[in-house]
């Protein structure tokens, strides 16, 4: 987000590739990080550059641990997260059964749960 949008949602309708001049038009939602305010984008970039070290973030921004955690939690509230532990597919369950990693009863339970 920029001062131009004043916090309002926006849609990108035209993208031009600088090197080739190719233009793509349509309606595109900007990436989630681009939808954050500039201050939050800087904060996220600093967090990544500090390898997620809250101690380093305290030093960089001159604030306390609770302040860093609070800001991270607020920013996280604006972002959708990918499910890092999705339910296994039927093929995954069958593969595990074939390899003997789970029993037939466990396989059935997993298939019923998905």
N, C-alpha and C. Protein backbone atom coordinates (compact mmCIF):
# COMPACT_ATOMS: atom_id res chain seq x y z
N UNK A 1 0.83 -1.17 0.00
CA UNK A 1 0.00 0.00 0.00
C UNK A 1 0.88 1.23 0.00
N UNK A 2 0.38 2.25 -0.58
CA UNK A 2 1.11 3.51 -0.59
C UNK A 2 0.21 4.60 -0.06
N UNK A 3 0.76 5.78 0.07
CA UNK A 3 -0.06 6.92 0.48
C UNK A 3 -1.16 7.17 -0.55
N UNK A 4 -0.90 6.80 -1.78
CA UNK A 4 -1.88 7.00 -2.86
C UNK A 4 -3.19 6.27 -2.56
N UNK A 5 -3.12 5.06 -2.02
CA UNK A 5 -4.33 4.27 -1.79
C UNK A 5 -4.98 4.56 -0.44
N UNK A 6 -4.23 5.21 0.45
CA UNK A 6 -4.73 5.57 1.79
C UNK A 6 -5.41 4.38 2.49
N UNK A 7 -4.80 3.21 2.35
CA UNK A 7 -5.31 2.04 3.05
C UNK A 7 -6.48 1.35 2.37
N UNK A 8 -6.92 1.88 1.25
CA UNK A 8 -8.05 1.28 0.55
C UNK A 8 -7.59 0.10 -0.30
N UNK A 9 -8.43 -0.94 -0.42
CA UNK A 9 -8.06 -2.06 -1.29
C UNK A 9 -7.89 -1.57 -2.73
N UNK A 10 -7.01 -2.23 -3.47
CA UNK A 10 -6.81 -1.84 -4.86
C UNK A 10 -6.60 -3.07 -5.72
N UNK A 11 -6.81 -2.90 -7.01
CA UNK A 11 -6.65 -3.97 -7.98
C UNK A 11 -5.71 -3.47 -9.07
N UNK A 12 -4.80 -4.32 -9.48
CA UNK A 12 -3.89 -3.99 -10.57
C UNK A 12 -4.56 -4.43 -11.87
N UNK A 13 -4.63 -3.55 -12.85
CA UNK A 13 -5.31 -3.87 -14.10
C UNK A 13 -4.37 -3.97 -15.30
N UNK A 14 -3.15 -3.52 -15.15
CA UNK A 14 -2.22 -3.56 -16.28
C UNK A 14 -0.81 -3.78 -15.75
N UNK A 15 -0.11 -4.72 -16.36
CA UNK A 15 1.28 -5.00 -16.01
C UNK A 15 2.10 -4.96 -17.29
N UNK A 16 3.23 -4.24 -17.25
CA UNK A 16 4.12 -4.18 -18.41
C UNK A 16 5.49 -4.69 -17.98
N UNK A 17 6.01 -5.67 -18.74
CA UNK A 17 7.35 -6.19 -18.48
C UNK A 17 8.34 -5.20 -19.07
N UNK A 18 9.19 -4.63 -18.22
CA UNK A 18 10.08 -3.54 -18.64
C UNK A 18 11.02 -3.94 -19.77
N UNK A 19 11.61 -5.11 -19.69
CA UNK A 19 12.61 -5.51 -20.69
C UNK A 19 12.01 -5.78 -22.06
N UNK A 20 10.85 -6.42 -22.09
CA UNK A 20 10.28 -6.82 -23.39
C UNK A 20 9.16 -5.90 -23.86
N UNK A 21 8.62 -5.13 -22.95
CA UNK A 21 7.51 -4.27 -23.32
C UNK A 21 6.18 -5.01 -23.42
N UNK A 22 6.16 -6.29 -23.11
CA UNK A 22 4.92 -7.07 -23.15
C UNK A 22 3.98 -6.53 -22.09
N UNK A 23 2.72 -6.36 -22.48
CA UNK A 23 1.71 -5.83 -21.57
C UNK A 23 0.64 -6.89 -21.35
N UNK A 24 0.27 -7.07 -20.10
CA UNK A 24 -0.81 -7.98 -19.74
C UNK A 24 -1.87 -7.15 -19.05
N UNK A 25 -3.09 -7.25 -19.57
CA UNK A 25 -4.19 -6.50 -18.96
C UNK A 25 -5.22 -7.47 -18.42
N UNK A 26 -5.84 -7.09 -17.34
CA UNK A 26 -6.84 -7.92 -16.68
C UNK A 26 -7.09 -7.34 -15.31
N UNK A 27 -7.56 -8.18 -14.43
CA UNK A 27 -7.79 -7.74 -13.06
C UNK A 27 -6.99 -8.67 -12.15
N UNK A 28 -5.95 -8.13 -11.51
CA UNK A 28 -5.05 -8.92 -10.70
C UNK A 28 -5.03 -8.38 -9.28
N UNK A 29 -5.16 -9.27 -8.32
CA UNK A 29 -5.02 -8.85 -6.93
C UNK A 29 -3.54 -8.85 -6.60
N UNK A 30 -3.04 -7.77 -6.01
CA UNK A 30 -1.61 -7.73 -5.67
C UNK A 30 -1.29 -8.78 -4.60
N UNK A 31 -0.03 -9.20 -4.53
CA UNK A 31 0.36 -10.15 -3.49
C UNK A 31 0.05 -9.59 -2.10
N UNK A 32 -0.15 -10.48 -1.16
CA UNK A 32 -0.52 -10.06 0.19
C UNK A 32 0.49 -9.10 0.81
N UNK A 33 1.77 -9.37 0.61
CA UNK A 33 2.77 -8.47 1.21
C UNK A 33 2.69 -7.08 0.61
N UNK A 34 2.34 -6.98 -0.66
CA UNK A 34 2.22 -5.67 -1.31
C UNK A 34 1.00 -4.91 -0.79
N UNK A 35 0.07 -5.61 -0.19
CA UNK A 35 -1.12 -4.97 0.35
C UNK A 35 -0.89 -4.41 1.75
N UNK A 36 0.23 -4.76 2.36
CA UNK A 36 0.57 -4.19 3.67
C UNK A 36 1.01 -2.74 3.50
N UNK A 37 0.90 -1.98 4.55
CA UNK A 37 1.41 -0.62 4.54
C UNK A 37 2.92 -0.63 4.39
N UNK A 38 3.48 0.49 3.95
CA UNK A 38 4.92 0.58 3.71
C UNK A 38 5.70 0.27 4.98
N UNK A 39 5.28 0.78 6.13
CA UNK A 39 5.99 0.53 7.38
C UNK A 39 6.00 -0.97 7.71
N UNK A 40 4.88 -1.64 7.48
CA UNK A 40 4.82 -3.08 7.74
C UNK A 40 5.66 -3.85 6.74
N UNK A 41 5.73 -3.39 5.49
CA UNK A 41 6.59 -4.05 4.51
C UNK A 41 8.05 -3.95 4.93
N UNK A 42 8.46 -2.79 5.41
CA UNK A 42 9.83 -2.60 5.88
C UNK A 42 10.08 -3.51 7.08
N UNK A 43 9.12 -3.60 7.97
CA UNK A 43 9.25 -4.45 9.16
C UNK A 43 9.41 -5.92 8.76
N UNK A 44 8.60 -6.39 7.83
CA UNK A 44 8.69 -7.78 7.36
C UNK A 44 10.04 -8.02 6.69
N UNK A 45 10.49 -7.09 5.86
CA UNK A 45 11.79 -7.23 5.20
C UNK A 45 12.91 -7.31 6.23
N UNK A 46 12.84 -6.47 7.27
CA UNK A 46 13.86 -6.51 8.32
C UNK A 46 13.82 -7.83 9.07
N UNK A 47 12.63 -8.35 9.30
CA UNK A 47 12.47 -9.63 10.00
C UNK A 47 13.10 -10.76 9.19
N UNK A 48 12.88 -10.75 7.88
CA UNK A 48 13.45 -11.78 7.02
C UNK A 48 14.98 -11.63 6.98
N UNK A 49 15.46 -10.41 6.82
CA UNK A 49 16.91 -10.18 6.76
C UNK A 49 17.60 -10.55 8.06
N UNK A 50 16.87 -10.44 9.19
CA UNK A 50 17.46 -10.81 10.48
C UNK A 50 17.24 -12.29 10.77
N UNK A 51 16.80 -13.04 9.76
CA UNK A 51 16.57 -14.48 9.89
C UNK A 51 15.57 -14.80 11.00
N UNK A 52 14.60 -13.92 11.19
CA UNK A 52 13.55 -14.16 12.18
C UNK A 52 14.00 -13.97 13.62
N UNK A 53 15.11 -13.29 13.82
CA UNK A 53 15.62 -13.08 15.18
C UNK A 53 14.90 -11.90 15.83
N UNK A 54 14.10 -12.21 16.83
CA UNK A 54 13.40 -11.14 17.53
C UNK A 54 14.41 -10.27 18.28
N UNK A 55 15.45 -10.88 18.81
CA UNK A 55 16.50 -10.12 19.51
C UNK A 55 17.12 -9.09 18.56
N UNK A 56 17.39 -9.50 17.32
CA UNK A 56 17.94 -8.57 16.33
C UNK A 56 16.93 -7.48 15.98
N UNK A 57 15.65 -7.84 15.90
CA UNK A 57 14.61 -6.85 15.61
C UNK A 57 14.51 -5.83 16.74
N UNK A 58 14.66 -6.30 17.99
CA UNK A 58 14.67 -5.38 19.13
C UNK A 58 15.79 -4.35 18.96
N UNK A 59 16.97 -4.84 18.56
CA UNK A 59 18.12 -3.95 18.37
C UNK A 59 17.88 -2.97 17.23
N UNK A 60 17.39 -3.47 16.08
CA UNK A 60 17.18 -2.62 14.90
C UNK A 60 16.16 -1.52 15.18
N UNK A 61 15.04 -1.90 15.78
CA UNK A 61 13.94 -0.94 15.95
C UNK A 61 13.95 -0.25 17.32
N UNK A 62 14.82 -0.72 18.23
CA UNK A 62 14.92 -0.08 19.53
C UNK A 62 13.66 -0.23 20.37
N UNK A 63 13.01 -1.37 20.24
CA UNK A 63 11.78 -1.62 21.01
C UNK A 63 11.90 -2.97 21.72
N UNK A 64 10.93 -3.25 22.59
CA UNK A 64 10.98 -4.45 23.41
C UNK A 64 10.42 -5.68 22.69
N UNK A 65 10.73 -6.84 23.26
CA UNK A 65 10.23 -8.12 22.76
C UNK A 65 8.71 -8.11 22.59
N UNK A 66 7.93 -7.68 23.62
CA UNK A 66 6.47 -7.68 23.45
C UNK A 66 6.00 -6.79 22.29
N UNK A 67 6.72 -5.69 22.06
CA UNK A 67 6.35 -4.80 20.96
C UNK A 67 6.56 -5.50 19.62
N UNK A 68 7.69 -6.19 19.47
CA UNK A 68 7.97 -6.93 18.23
C UNK A 68 6.93 -8.01 18.03
N UNK A 69 6.66 -8.79 19.08
CA UNK A 69 5.67 -9.88 18.98
C UNK A 69 4.29 -9.34 18.63
N UNK A 70 3.91 -8.25 19.24
CA UNK A 70 2.61 -7.65 18.98
C UNK A 70 2.49 -7.22 17.51
N UNK A 71 3.54 -6.61 17.00
CA UNK A 71 3.52 -6.16 15.60
C UNK A 71 3.48 -7.35 14.65
N UNK A 72 4.28 -8.38 14.94
CA UNK A 72 4.26 -9.59 14.11
C UNK A 72 2.86 -10.21 14.11
N UNK A 73 2.23 -10.28 15.27
CA UNK A 73 0.89 -10.85 15.36
C UNK A 73 -0.13 -10.02 14.57
N UNK A 74 0.02 -8.70 14.65
CA UNK A 74 -0.90 -7.83 13.90
C UNK A 74 -0.72 -8.03 12.40
N UNK A 75 0.53 -8.07 11.94
CA UNK A 75 0.80 -8.27 10.51
C UNK A 75 0.31 -9.65 10.08
N UNK A 76 0.57 -10.66 10.90
CA UNK A 76 0.13 -12.02 10.57
C UNK A 76 -1.38 -12.09 10.40
N UNK A 77 -2.09 -11.27 11.16
CA UNK A 77 -3.55 -11.23 11.05
C UNK A 77 -4.04 -10.75 9.69
N UNK A 78 -3.17 -10.07 8.95
CA UNK A 78 -3.53 -9.57 7.62
C UNK A 78 -3.16 -10.55 6.51
N UNK A 79 -2.47 -11.63 6.85
CA UNK A 79 -1.98 -12.56 5.84
C UNK A 79 -2.68 -13.91 5.93
N UNK A 80 -3.01 -14.46 4.78
CA UNK A 80 -3.52 -15.83 4.74
C UNK A 80 -2.31 -16.75 4.71
N UNK A 81 -2.41 -17.87 5.38
CA UNK A 81 -1.29 -18.79 5.42
C UNK A 81 -1.62 -20.07 4.69
N UNK A 82 -0.60 -20.65 4.10
CA UNK A 82 -0.73 -21.93 3.43
C UNK A 82 -0.82 -23.00 4.50
N UNK A 83 -1.70 -23.98 4.31
CA UNK A 83 -1.82 -25.09 5.24
C UNK A 83 -0.55 -25.92 5.16
N UNK A 84 0.25 -25.91 6.22
CA UNK A 84 1.53 -26.63 6.20
C UNK A 84 1.37 -28.10 6.59
N UNK A 85 0.17 -28.49 6.98
CA UNK A 85 -0.07 -29.88 7.34
C UNK A 85 -1.41 -30.31 6.75
N UNK A 86 -1.49 -30.32 5.40
CA UNK A 86 -2.77 -30.66 4.78
C UNK A 86 -3.13 -32.12 5.02
N UNK A 87 -4.42 -32.41 4.92
CA UNK A 87 -4.88 -33.79 5.07
C UNK A 87 -4.28 -34.64 3.95
N UNK A 88 -3.91 -35.88 4.26
CA UNK A 88 -3.32 -36.73 3.22
C UNK A 88 -4.35 -37.08 2.15
N UNK A 89 -3.86 -37.22 0.93
CA UNK A 89 -4.75 -37.64 -0.16
C UNK A 89 -4.95 -39.14 -0.07
N UNK A 90 -5.94 -39.64 -0.79
CA UNK A 90 -6.17 -41.08 -0.83
C UNK A 90 -4.94 -41.83 -1.31
N UNK A 91 -4.26 -41.27 -2.31
CA UNK A 91 -3.06 -41.92 -2.84
C UNK A 91 -1.96 -41.98 -1.79
N UNK A 92 -1.83 -40.92 -0.97
CA UNK A 92 -0.83 -40.90 0.10
C UNK A 92 -1.11 -42.02 1.11
N UNK A 93 -2.38 -42.17 1.46
CA UNK A 93 -2.76 -43.18 2.44
C UNK A 93 -2.47 -44.58 1.89
N UNK A 94 -2.83 -44.82 0.63
CA UNK A 94 -2.60 -46.12 0.01
C UNK A 94 -1.09 -46.41 -0.06
N UNK A 95 -0.31 -45.41 -0.41
CA UNK A 95 1.15 -45.59 -0.46
C UNK A 95 1.71 -45.97 0.90
N UNK A 96 1.24 -45.29 1.95
CA UNK A 96 1.72 -45.61 3.29
C UNK A 96 1.30 -47.03 3.70
N UNK A 97 0.10 -47.42 3.29
CA UNK A 97 -0.38 -48.78 3.58
C UNK A 97 0.49 -49.81 2.87
N UNK A 98 0.78 -49.58 1.59
CA UNK A 98 1.64 -50.49 0.82
C UNK A 98 3.03 -50.65 1.43
N UNK A 99 3.56 -49.55 1.96
CA UNK A 99 4.90 -49.59 2.55
C UNK A 99 4.88 -50.19 3.96
N UNK A 100 3.70 -50.47 4.48
CA UNK A 100 3.58 -51.06 5.80
C UNK A 100 3.72 -50.06 6.93
N UNK A 101 3.62 -48.77 6.62
CA UNK A 101 3.76 -47.75 7.64
C UNK A 101 2.52 -47.63 8.52
N UNK A 102 1.36 -48.01 7.96
CA UNK A 102 0.11 -47.95 8.71
C UNK A 102 -0.67 -49.24 8.47
N UNK A 103 -1.59 -49.55 9.38
CA UNK A 103 -2.43 -50.75 9.24
C UNK A 103 -3.63 -50.43 8.35
N UNK A 104 -4.34 -51.46 7.95
CA UNK A 104 -5.54 -51.27 7.14
C UNK A 104 -6.57 -50.46 7.92
N UNK A 105 -6.68 -50.69 9.20
CA UNK A 105 -7.62 -49.95 10.04
C UNK A 105 -7.24 -48.46 10.06
N UNK A 106 -5.95 -48.15 10.21
CA UNK A 106 -5.49 -46.76 10.21
C UNK A 106 -5.73 -46.12 8.85
N UNK A 107 -5.52 -46.89 7.78
CA UNK A 107 -5.77 -46.37 6.43
C UNK A 107 -7.22 -46.02 6.25
N UNK A 108 -8.12 -46.89 6.69
CA UNK A 108 -9.55 -46.62 6.57
C UNK A 108 -9.92 -45.37 7.37
N UNK A 109 -9.38 -45.25 8.57
CA UNK A 109 -9.67 -44.08 9.40
C UNK A 109 -9.18 -42.80 8.72
N UNK A 110 -8.00 -42.86 8.12
CA UNK A 110 -7.45 -41.69 7.43
C UNK A 110 -8.29 -41.32 6.22
N UNK A 111 -8.75 -42.33 5.49
CA UNK A 111 -9.57 -42.08 4.31
C UNK A 111 -10.93 -41.52 4.70
N UNK A 112 -11.48 -41.98 5.80
CA UNK A 112 -12.77 -41.46 6.26
C UNK A 112 -12.65 -40.04 6.78
N UNK A 113 -11.48 -39.70 7.31
CA UNK A 113 -11.26 -38.36 7.85
C UNK A 113 -10.98 -37.31 6.80
N UNK A 114 -10.59 -37.73 5.58
CA UNK A 114 -10.24 -36.75 4.55
C UNK A 114 -11.37 -36.43 3.64
